[in-house]
Structures are given as C-alpha cells and as structure tokens.
C-alpha cells in the first residue's frame, strides 16, 4: 500500500515538473529569431538609395541604417532604453564596435546639427559598419 502511494506521488511530481519545465521553456524571454528577408530587403533599399550626385541621400542612408540596426537590436532583446544603451549591451556580439559607434555618432551629428555635412566616403564607411553589425546580430 505504501509503495503504491509513493509511486503515485513520484509520478505526480514528475508530471508536474515536466509541465512546469515546458511552460518555462515556451514562455522564456530571450533573443528571438529575426526575419532575415525583411532586414535584407530594407538593407538593400538603403544601399540603393545612396546616390553619389545627391548629398541628401548620404544623410538619409546613415540615418536609416542606424534605425535598422536599432530595430534589430531591439528585436534581438538587447537591453537598453536608447540605441546607445543597446549598443553597449551588444558590444560582445559586434565584431567592430568602434566602427559602429563612429557610425552612430555620425548619425547623431546629422540628426542634431542642421549644418552637418557628410561625404560619400564617410557615408559608405558608416554603412559598411552598420552592415557588419547587422550581420553580427543575425539580421542579414
């Protein structure tokens, strides 16, 4: 009689434990997989908009690339309320975090200084840093 009760108790504990483990696994927050096609399409659009003859496209390219990386960092659940905080959280995932920081600083300058200028070379360098960062976090 006692063996049957103990067996029933152990079976109940195992079943409840298994259910709790399954619930925790399903509801666990963590980096989610990114929609790589969506990111690739957006990235290609950013690259194609860059036009040597139109300076405004340099500005837009850098700003849009920054937004795309910020979205990828947010979607991958890197912590932080701002892009800068998320970049700090992602530092170990980025193969060249200094280049990304330089690109982000350029973006900030373009966004906040109406007299800011950017050359095609600087824009391409920034886009290259953003592209590598997007690869590093699995977005493209």
N, C-alpha and C. Protein backbone atom coordinates (compact mmCIF):
# COMPACT_ATOMS: atom_id res chain seq x y z
N UNK A 1 0.83 -1.19 0.00
CA UNK A 1 0.00 0.00 0.00
C UNK A 1 0.88 1.25 0.00
N UNK A 2 1.91 1.28 0.86
CA UNK A 2 2.80 2.42 0.97
C UNK A 2 3.61 2.61 -0.31
N UNK A 3 4.08 1.53 -0.94
CA UNK A 3 4.84 1.63 -2.18
C UNK A 3 4.00 2.23 -3.29
N UNK A 4 2.72 1.86 -3.35
CA UNK A 4 1.82 2.38 -4.37
C UNK A 4 1.62 3.89 -4.19
N UNK A 5 1.49 4.37 -2.97
CA UNK A 5 1.30 5.78 -2.68
C UNK A 5 2.56 6.57 -3.04
N UNK A 6 3.72 6.03 -2.71
CA UNK A 6 4.98 6.70 -3.02
C UNK A 6 5.17 6.78 -4.54
N UNK A 7 4.87 5.70 -5.24
CA UNK A 7 4.99 5.67 -6.71
C UNK A 7 4.05 6.70 -7.33
N UNK A 8 2.84 6.77 -6.81
CA UNK A 8 1.86 7.72 -7.34
C UNK A 8 2.32 9.16 -7.08
N UNK A 9 2.86 9.39 -5.90
CA UNK A 9 3.38 10.71 -5.56
C UNK A 9 4.55 11.10 -6.48
N UNK A 10 5.50 10.21 -6.67
CA UNK A 10 6.65 10.48 -7.53
C UNK A 10 6.21 10.72 -8.97
N UNK A 11 5.25 9.94 -9.45
CA UNK A 11 4.74 10.14 -10.81
C UNK A 11 4.10 11.52 -10.93
N UNK A 12 3.35 11.92 -9.93
CA UNK A 12 2.72 13.25 -9.93
C UNK A 12 3.76 14.35 -9.95
N UNK A 13 4.80 14.20 -9.13
CA UNK A 13 5.86 15.19 -9.08
C UNK A 13 6.56 15.29 -10.44
N UNK A 14 6.83 14.16 -11.06
CA UNK A 14 7.48 14.17 -12.38
C UNK A 14 6.60 14.83 -13.44
N UNK A 15 5.33 14.54 -13.42
CA UNK A 15 4.41 15.12 -14.41
C UNK A 15 4.31 16.63 -14.21
N UNK A 16 4.13 17.06 -12.97
CA UNK A 16 4.03 18.49 -12.68
C UNK A 16 5.36 19.19 -13.02
N UNK A 17 6.46 18.57 -12.68
CA UNK A 17 7.78 19.14 -13.00
C UNK A 17 7.97 19.27 -14.51
N UNK A 18 7.58 18.27 -15.24
CA UNK A 18 7.69 18.31 -16.70
C UNK A 18 6.83 19.41 -17.29
N UNK A 19 5.61 19.55 -16.77
CA UNK A 19 4.74 20.62 -17.26
C UNK A 19 5.32 22.00 -16.95
N UNK A 20 5.84 22.19 -15.76
CA UNK A 20 6.46 23.46 -15.40
C UNK A 20 7.67 23.77 -16.28
N UNK A 21 8.47 22.76 -16.55
CA UNK A 21 9.63 22.94 -17.42
C UNK A 21 9.19 23.33 -18.83
N UNK A 22 8.16 22.69 -19.34
CA UNK A 22 7.64 23.00 -20.67
C UNK A 22 7.11 24.43 -20.73
N UNK A 23 6.38 24.84 -19.71
CA UNK A 23 5.85 26.21 -19.66
C UNK A 23 6.98 27.23 -19.60
N UNK A 24 8.00 26.97 -18.79
CA UNK A 24 9.13 27.89 -18.69
C UNK A 24 9.88 27.98 -20.00
N UNK A 25 10.05 26.88 -20.68
CA UNK A 25 10.76 26.87 -21.96
C UNK A 25 9.99 27.66 -23.01
N UNK A 26 8.68 27.48 -23.06
CA UNK A 26 7.85 28.15 -24.07
C UNK A 26 7.77 29.65 -23.82
N UNK A 27 7.66 30.06 -22.57
CA UNK A 27 7.47 31.48 -22.26
C UNK A 27 8.76 32.23 -21.98
N UNK A 28 9.89 31.56 -22.07
CA UNK A 28 11.18 32.20 -21.77
C UNK A 28 11.44 33.35 -22.73
N UNK A 29 11.81 34.48 -22.16
CA UNK A 29 12.18 35.65 -22.98
C UNK A 29 13.65 35.51 -23.33
N UNK A 30 13.96 35.85 -24.54
CA UNK A 30 15.34 35.80 -24.99
C UNK A 30 15.40 36.31 -26.40
N UNK A 31 16.58 36.26 -26.97
CA UNK A 31 16.69 36.77 -28.32
C UNK A 31 15.83 35.95 -29.28
N UNK A 32 14.97 36.66 -29.98
CA UNK A 32 14.14 35.94 -30.92
C UNK A 32 14.82 35.94 -32.28
N UNK A 33 14.44 34.98 -33.08
CA UNK A 33 14.99 34.92 -34.43
C UNK A 33 14.44 36.11 -35.22
N UNK A 34 15.29 36.65 -36.04
CA UNK A 34 14.90 37.81 -36.82
C UNK A 34 14.40 37.38 -38.20
N UNK A 35 13.54 38.18 -38.77
CA UNK A 35 13.06 37.96 -40.13
C UNK A 35 14.14 38.47 -41.08
N UNK A 36 15.06 37.59 -41.43
CA UNK A 36 16.23 37.97 -42.22
C UNK A 36 15.83 38.56 -43.57
N UNK A 37 14.81 38.03 -44.20
CA UNK A 37 14.39 38.56 -45.50
C UNK A 37 13.91 40.00 -45.39
N UNK A 38 13.17 40.28 -44.33
CA UNK A 38 12.69 41.66 -44.10
C UNK A 38 13.88 42.60 -43.93
N UNK A 39 14.86 42.19 -43.14
CA UNK A 39 16.04 43.03 -42.92
C UNK A 39 16.87 43.17 -44.18
N UNK A 40 17.03 42.10 -44.93
CA UNK A 40 17.80 42.17 -46.19
C UNK A 40 17.14 43.13 -47.17
N UNK A 41 15.83 43.04 -47.29
CA UNK A 41 15.10 43.92 -48.20
C UNK A 41 15.29 45.37 -47.80
N UNK A 42 15.15 45.66 -46.51
CA UNK A 42 15.32 47.04 -46.04
C UNK A 42 16.76 47.50 -46.26
N UNK A 43 17.71 46.60 -46.01
CA UNK A 43 19.11 46.97 -46.19
C UNK A 43 19.41 47.28 -47.66
N UNK A 44 18.93 46.45 -48.55
CA UNK A 44 19.16 46.67 -49.98
C UNK A 44 18.56 48.01 -50.41
N UNK A 45 17.41 48.36 -49.86
CA UNK A 45 16.78 49.64 -50.17
C UNK A 45 17.66 50.80 -49.71
N UNK A 46 18.26 50.68 -48.53
CA UNK A 46 19.15 51.72 -48.01
C UNK A 46 20.36 51.88 -48.92
N UNK A 47 20.96 50.76 -49.30
CA UNK A 47 22.15 50.82 -50.18
C UNK A 47 21.81 51.41 -51.55
N UNK A 48 20.66 51.05 -52.07
CA UNK A 48 20.28 51.53 -53.40
C UNK A 48 19.92 53.01 -53.40
N UNK A 49 19.51 53.55 -52.27
CA UNK A 49 19.15 54.96 -52.19
C UNK A 49 20.37 55.87 -52.22
N UNK A 50 21.54 55.33 -51.89
CA UNK A 50 22.76 56.14 -51.84
C UNK A 50 23.14 56.54 -53.28
N UNK A 51 23.10 57.84 -53.53
CA UNK A 51 23.35 58.37 -54.86
C UNK A 51 24.48 59.40 -54.77
N UNK A 52 25.56 59.12 -55.47
CA UNK A 52 26.75 59.99 -55.45
C UNK A 52 26.41 61.45 -55.75
N UNK A 53 25.41 61.69 -56.58
CA UNK A 53 25.09 63.05 -57.01
C UNK A 53 24.12 63.79 -56.08
N UNK A 54 23.64 63.11 -55.05
CA UNK A 54 22.69 63.75 -54.14
C UNK A 54 23.15 63.60 -52.70
N UNK A 55 23.66 64.69 -52.15
CA UNK A 55 24.20 64.68 -50.78
C UNK A 55 23.15 64.26 -49.76
N UNK A 56 21.91 64.65 -49.99
CA UNK A 56 20.85 64.29 -49.03
C UNK A 56 20.71 62.78 -48.88
N UNK A 57 21.06 62.03 -49.91
CA UNK A 57 20.95 60.57 -49.80
C UNK A 57 22.01 60.01 -48.86
N UNK A 58 23.13 60.72 -48.70
CA UNK A 58 24.15 60.27 -47.75
C UNK A 58 23.59 60.34 -46.33
N UNK A 59 22.94 61.47 -46.05
CA UNK A 59 22.35 61.68 -44.72
C UNK A 59 21.29 60.62 -44.45
N UNK A 60 20.37 60.47 -45.41
CA UNK A 60 19.29 59.50 -45.22
C UNK A 60 19.81 58.08 -45.08
N UNK A 61 20.81 57.74 -45.84
CA UNK A 61 21.37 56.39 -45.76
C UNK A 61 21.90 56.08 -44.37
N UNK A 62 22.67 57.01 -43.82
CA UNK A 62 23.24 56.82 -42.48
C UNK A 62 22.13 56.75 -41.44
N UNK A 63 21.17 57.65 -41.51
CA UNK A 63 20.08 57.69 -40.53
C UNK A 63 19.23 56.42 -40.62
N UNK A 64 18.90 56.00 -41.83
CA UNK A 64 18.07 54.80 -41.99
C UNK A 64 18.81 53.52 -41.59
N UNK A 65 20.11 53.46 -41.86
CA UNK A 65 20.90 52.31 -41.44
C UNK A 65 20.95 52.22 -39.91
N UNK A 66 21.09 53.37 -39.27
CA UNK A 66 21.10 53.41 -37.80
C UNK A 66 19.76 52.91 -37.25
N UNK A 67 18.67 53.36 -37.85
CA UNK A 67 17.33 52.92 -37.42
C UNK A 67 17.18 51.41 -37.59
N UNK A 68 17.68 50.89 -38.71
CA UNK A 68 17.55 49.46 -38.97
C UNK A 68 18.34 48.64 -37.96
N UNK A 69 19.55 49.08 -37.65
CA UNK A 69 20.33 48.37 -36.64
C UNK A 69 19.64 48.47 -35.28
N UNK A 70 19.12 49.63 -34.95
CA UNK A 70 18.42 49.79 -33.67
C UNK A 70 17.23 48.84 -33.58
N UNK A 71 16.50 48.70 -34.68
CA UNK A 71 15.37 47.77 -34.70
C UNK A 71 15.84 46.34 -34.50
N UNK A 72 16.93 45.98 -35.14
CA UNK A 72 17.47 44.62 -34.99
C UNK A 72 17.91 44.37 -33.55
N UNK A 73 18.57 45.34 -32.93
CA UNK A 73 18.99 45.18 -31.54
C UNK A 73 17.79 45.05 -30.62
N UNK A 74 16.76 45.83 -30.89
CA UNK A 74 15.52 45.75 -30.09
C UNK A 74 14.87 44.39 -30.29
N UNK A 75 14.75 43.96 -31.54
CA UNK A 75 14.13 42.67 -31.83
C UNK A 75 14.91 41.50 -31.23
N UNK A 76 16.22 41.65 -31.13
CA UNK A 76 17.05 40.60 -30.53
C UNK A 76 17.10 40.70 -29.01
N UNK A 77 16.33 41.62 -28.45
CA UNK A 77 16.15 41.78 -27.00
C UNK A 77 17.42 42.23 -26.27
N UNK A 78 18.26 43.03 -26.93
CA UNK A 78 19.38 43.63 -26.21
C UNK A 78 18.80 44.70 -25.29
N UNK A 79 19.32 44.75 -24.08
CA UNK A 79 18.75 45.66 -23.09
C UNK A 79 19.17 47.10 -23.35
N UNK A 80 18.31 48.00 -22.91
CA UNK A 80 18.60 49.42 -23.02
C UNK A 80 17.39 50.18 -23.54
N UNK A 81 17.28 51.42 -23.06
CA UNK A 81 16.17 52.27 -23.48
C UNK A 81 16.53 53.08 -24.72
N UNK A 82 17.82 53.27 -24.96
CA UNK A 82 18.27 54.05 -26.11
C UNK A 82 19.15 53.19 -26.99
N UNK A 83 19.39 53.68 -28.20
CA UNK A 83 20.30 52.98 -29.11
C UNK A 83 21.68 52.84 -28.48
N UNK A 84 22.16 53.89 -27.84
CA UNK A 84 23.48 53.84 -27.21
C UNK A 84 23.54 52.74 -26.15
N UNK A 85 22.50 52.62 -25.34
CA UNK A 85 22.47 51.58 -24.31
C UNK A 85 22.42 50.19 -24.94
N UNK A 86 21.65 50.06 -26.03
CA UNK A 86 21.58 48.76 -26.71
C UNK A 86 22.92 48.41 -27.36
N UNK A 87 23.62 49.41 -27.90
CA UNK A 87 24.94 49.16 -28.47
C UNK A 87 25.91 48.68 -27.39
N UNK A 88 25.83 49.26 -26.21
CA UNK A 88 26.68 48.81 -25.10
C UNK A 88 26.35 47.36 -24.74
N UNK A 89 25.07 47.02 -24.73
CA UNK A 89 24.66 45.65 -24.42
C UNK A 89 25.14 44.66 -25.48
N UNK A 90 25.22 45.12 -26.72
CA UNK A 90 25.58 44.24 -27.84
C UNK A 90 27.08 44.21 -28.10
N UNK A 91 27.85 44.94 -27.32
CA UNK A 91 29.29 45.10 -27.58
C UNK A 91 30.00 43.79 -27.88
N UNK A 92 29.73 42.76 -27.12
CA UNK A 92 30.45 41.50 -27.30
C UNK A 92 30.02 40.76 -28.57
N UNK A 93 28.87 41.12 -29.12
CA UNK A 93 28.39 40.48 -30.35
C UNK A 93 28.91 41.18 -31.60
N UNK A 94 29.37 42.41 -31.46
CA UNK A 94 29.79 43.21 -32.60
C UNK A 94 31.27 43.00 -32.89
N UNK A 95 31.58 42.66 -34.13
CA UNK A 95 32.97 42.39 -34.48
C UNK A 95 33.81 43.67 -34.55
N UNK A 96 33.17 44.82 -34.77
CA UNK A 96 33.89 46.08 -34.79
C UNK A 96 33.02 47.16 -34.15
N UNK A 97 32.90 47.08 -32.83
CA UNK A 97 32.01 48.02 -32.14
C UNK A 97 32.48 49.46 -32.27
N UNK A 98 33.77 49.70 -32.43
CA UNK A 98 34.25 51.08 -32.60
C UNK A 98 33.71 51.70 -33.89
N UNK A 99 33.72 50.91 -34.96
CA UNK A 99 33.20 51.42 -36.24
C UNK A 99 31.71 51.72 -36.13
N UNK A 100 30.98 50.87 -35.41
CA UNK A 100 29.54 51.09 -35.24
C UNK A 100 29.31 52.35 -34.41
N UNK A 101 30.11 52.53 -33.36
CA UNK A 101 29.99 53.75 -32.55
C UNK A 101 30.28 54.99 -33.38
N UNK A 102 31.29 54.93 -34.23
CA UNK A 102 31.61 56.07 -35.10
C UNK A 102 30.43 56.37 -36.03
N UNK A 103 29.85 55.32 -36.58
CA UNK A 103 28.70 55.50 -37.47
C UNK A 103 27.52 56.10 -36.71
N UNK A 104 27.30 55.62 -35.49
CA UNK A 104 26.19 56.13 -34.68
C UNK A 104 26.43 57.60 -34.31
N UNK A 105 27.67 57.95 -34.00
CA UNK A 105 27.99 59.35 -33.70
C UNK A 105 27.75 60.24 -34.92
N UNK A 106 28.09 59.72 -36.11
CA UNK A 106 27.82 60.46 -37.33
C UNK A 106 26.33 60.65 -37.50
N UNK A 107 25.57 59.61 -37.23
CA UNK A 107 24.10 59.70 -37.32
C UNK A 107 23.59 60.78 -36.38
N UNK A 108 24.10 60.79 -35.15
CA UNK A 108 23.66 61.80 -34.18
C UNK A 108 23.99 63.21 -34.66
N UNK A 109 25.17 63.37 -35.22
CA UNK A 109 25.57 64.68 -35.74
C UNK A 109 24.63 65.11 -36.86
N UNK A 110 24.32 64.19 -37.76
CA UNK A 110 23.42 64.52 -38.88
C UNK A 110 22.01 64.83 -38.40
N UNK A 111 21.59 64.17 -37.35
CA UNK A 111 20.23 64.36 -36.83
C UNK A 111 20.07 65.64 -36.02
N UNK A 112 21.15 66.09 -35.40
CA UNK A 112 21.04 67.21 -34.46
C UNK A 112 21.69 68.50 -34.92
N UNK A 113 22.52 68.43 -35.94
CA UNK A 113 23.21 69.63 -36.42
C UNK A 113 22.77 69.92 -37.85
N UNK A 114 21.99 70.98 -38.03
CA UNK A 114 21.45 71.29 -39.36
C UNK A 114 22.55 71.63 -40.37
N UNK A 115 23.71 72.02 -39.89
CA UNK A 115 24.82 72.36 -40.77
C UNK A 115 25.79 71.20 -41.01
N UNK A 116 25.47 70.04 -40.47
CA UNK A 116 26.37 68.88 -40.60
C UNK A 116 26.47 68.45 -42.06
N UNK A 117 27.66 68.11 -42.45
CA UNK A 117 27.93 67.63 -43.80
C UNK A 117 28.54 66.24 -43.71
N UNK A 118 28.29 65.44 -44.71
CA UNK A 118 28.89 64.12 -44.77
C UNK A 118 29.31 63.86 -46.22
N UNK A 119 30.47 63.26 -46.38
CA UNK A 119 30.95 62.93 -47.72
C UNK A 119 30.43 61.54 -48.11
N UNK A 120 30.52 61.24 -49.38
CA UNK A 120 30.11 59.91 -49.85
C UNK A 120 30.99 58.85 -49.19
N UNK A 121 32.27 59.13 -49.01
CA UNK A 121 33.16 58.15 -48.38
C UNK A 121 32.79 57.91 -46.92
N UNK A 122 32.47 58.98 -46.21
CA UNK A 122 32.07 58.83 -44.81
C UNK A 122 30.75 58.06 -44.71
N UNK A 123 29.84 58.33 -45.62
CA UNK A 123 28.56 57.62 -45.63
C UNK A 123 28.79 56.14 -45.92
N UNK A 124 29.63 55.84 -46.88
CA UNK A 124 29.91 54.43 -47.21
C UNK A 124 30.60 53.71 -46.05
N UNK A 125 31.51 54.40 -45.38
CA UNK A 125 32.18 53.81 -44.22
C UNK A 125 31.17 53.49 -43.12
N UNK A 126 30.27 54.43 -42.87
CA UNK A 126 29.23 54.22 -41.85
C UNK A 126 28.33 53.06 -42.26
N UNK A 127 27.91 53.04 -43.52
CA UNK A 127 27.04 51.95 -43.98
C UNK A 127 27.74 50.61 -43.88
N UNK A 128 29.02 50.58 -44.15
CA UNK A 128 29.78 49.34 -44.02
C UNK A 128 29.77 48.84 -42.57
N UNK A 129 29.93 49.77 -41.63
CA UNK A 129 29.90 49.40 -40.20
C UNK A 129 28.52 48.89 -39.81
N UNK A 130 27.48 49.56 -40.26
CA UNK A 130 26.12 49.11 -39.95
C UNK A 130 25.84 47.74 -40.56
N UNK A 131 26.29 47.54 -41.79
CA UNK A 131 26.06 46.25 -42.46
C UNK A 131 26.71 45.11 -41.69
N UNK A 132 27.96 45.33 -41.25
CA UNK A 132 28.65 44.29 -40.48
C UNK A 132 27.95 44.04 -39.16
N UNK A 133 27.48 45.10 -38.52
CA UNK A 133 26.77 44.94 -37.24
C UNK A 133 25.47 44.16 -37.45
N UNK A 134 24.77 44.44 -38.53
CA UNK A 134 23.54 43.69 -38.83
C UNK A 134 23.86 42.21 -39.07
N UNK A 135 24.97 41.93 -39.71
CA UNK A 135 25.40 40.54 -39.89
C UNK A 135 25.73 39.91 -38.54
N UNK A 136 26.43 40.68 -37.70
CA UNK A 136 26.85 40.17 -36.38
C UNK A 136 25.69 39.76 -35.50
N UNK A 137 24.58 40.48 -35.61
CA UNK A 137 23.41 40.15 -34.77
C UNK A 137 22.42 39.24 -35.48
N UNK A 138 22.78 38.80 -36.68
CA UNK A 138 21.95 37.83 -37.39
C UNK A 138 20.77 38.40 -38.13
N UNK A 139 20.83 39.70 -38.45
CA UNK A 139 19.71 40.33 -39.15
C UNK A 139 19.80 40.15 -40.66
N UNK A 140 21.02 40.14 -41.18
CA UNK A 140 21.20 39.93 -42.62
C UNK A 140 22.27 38.89 -42.87
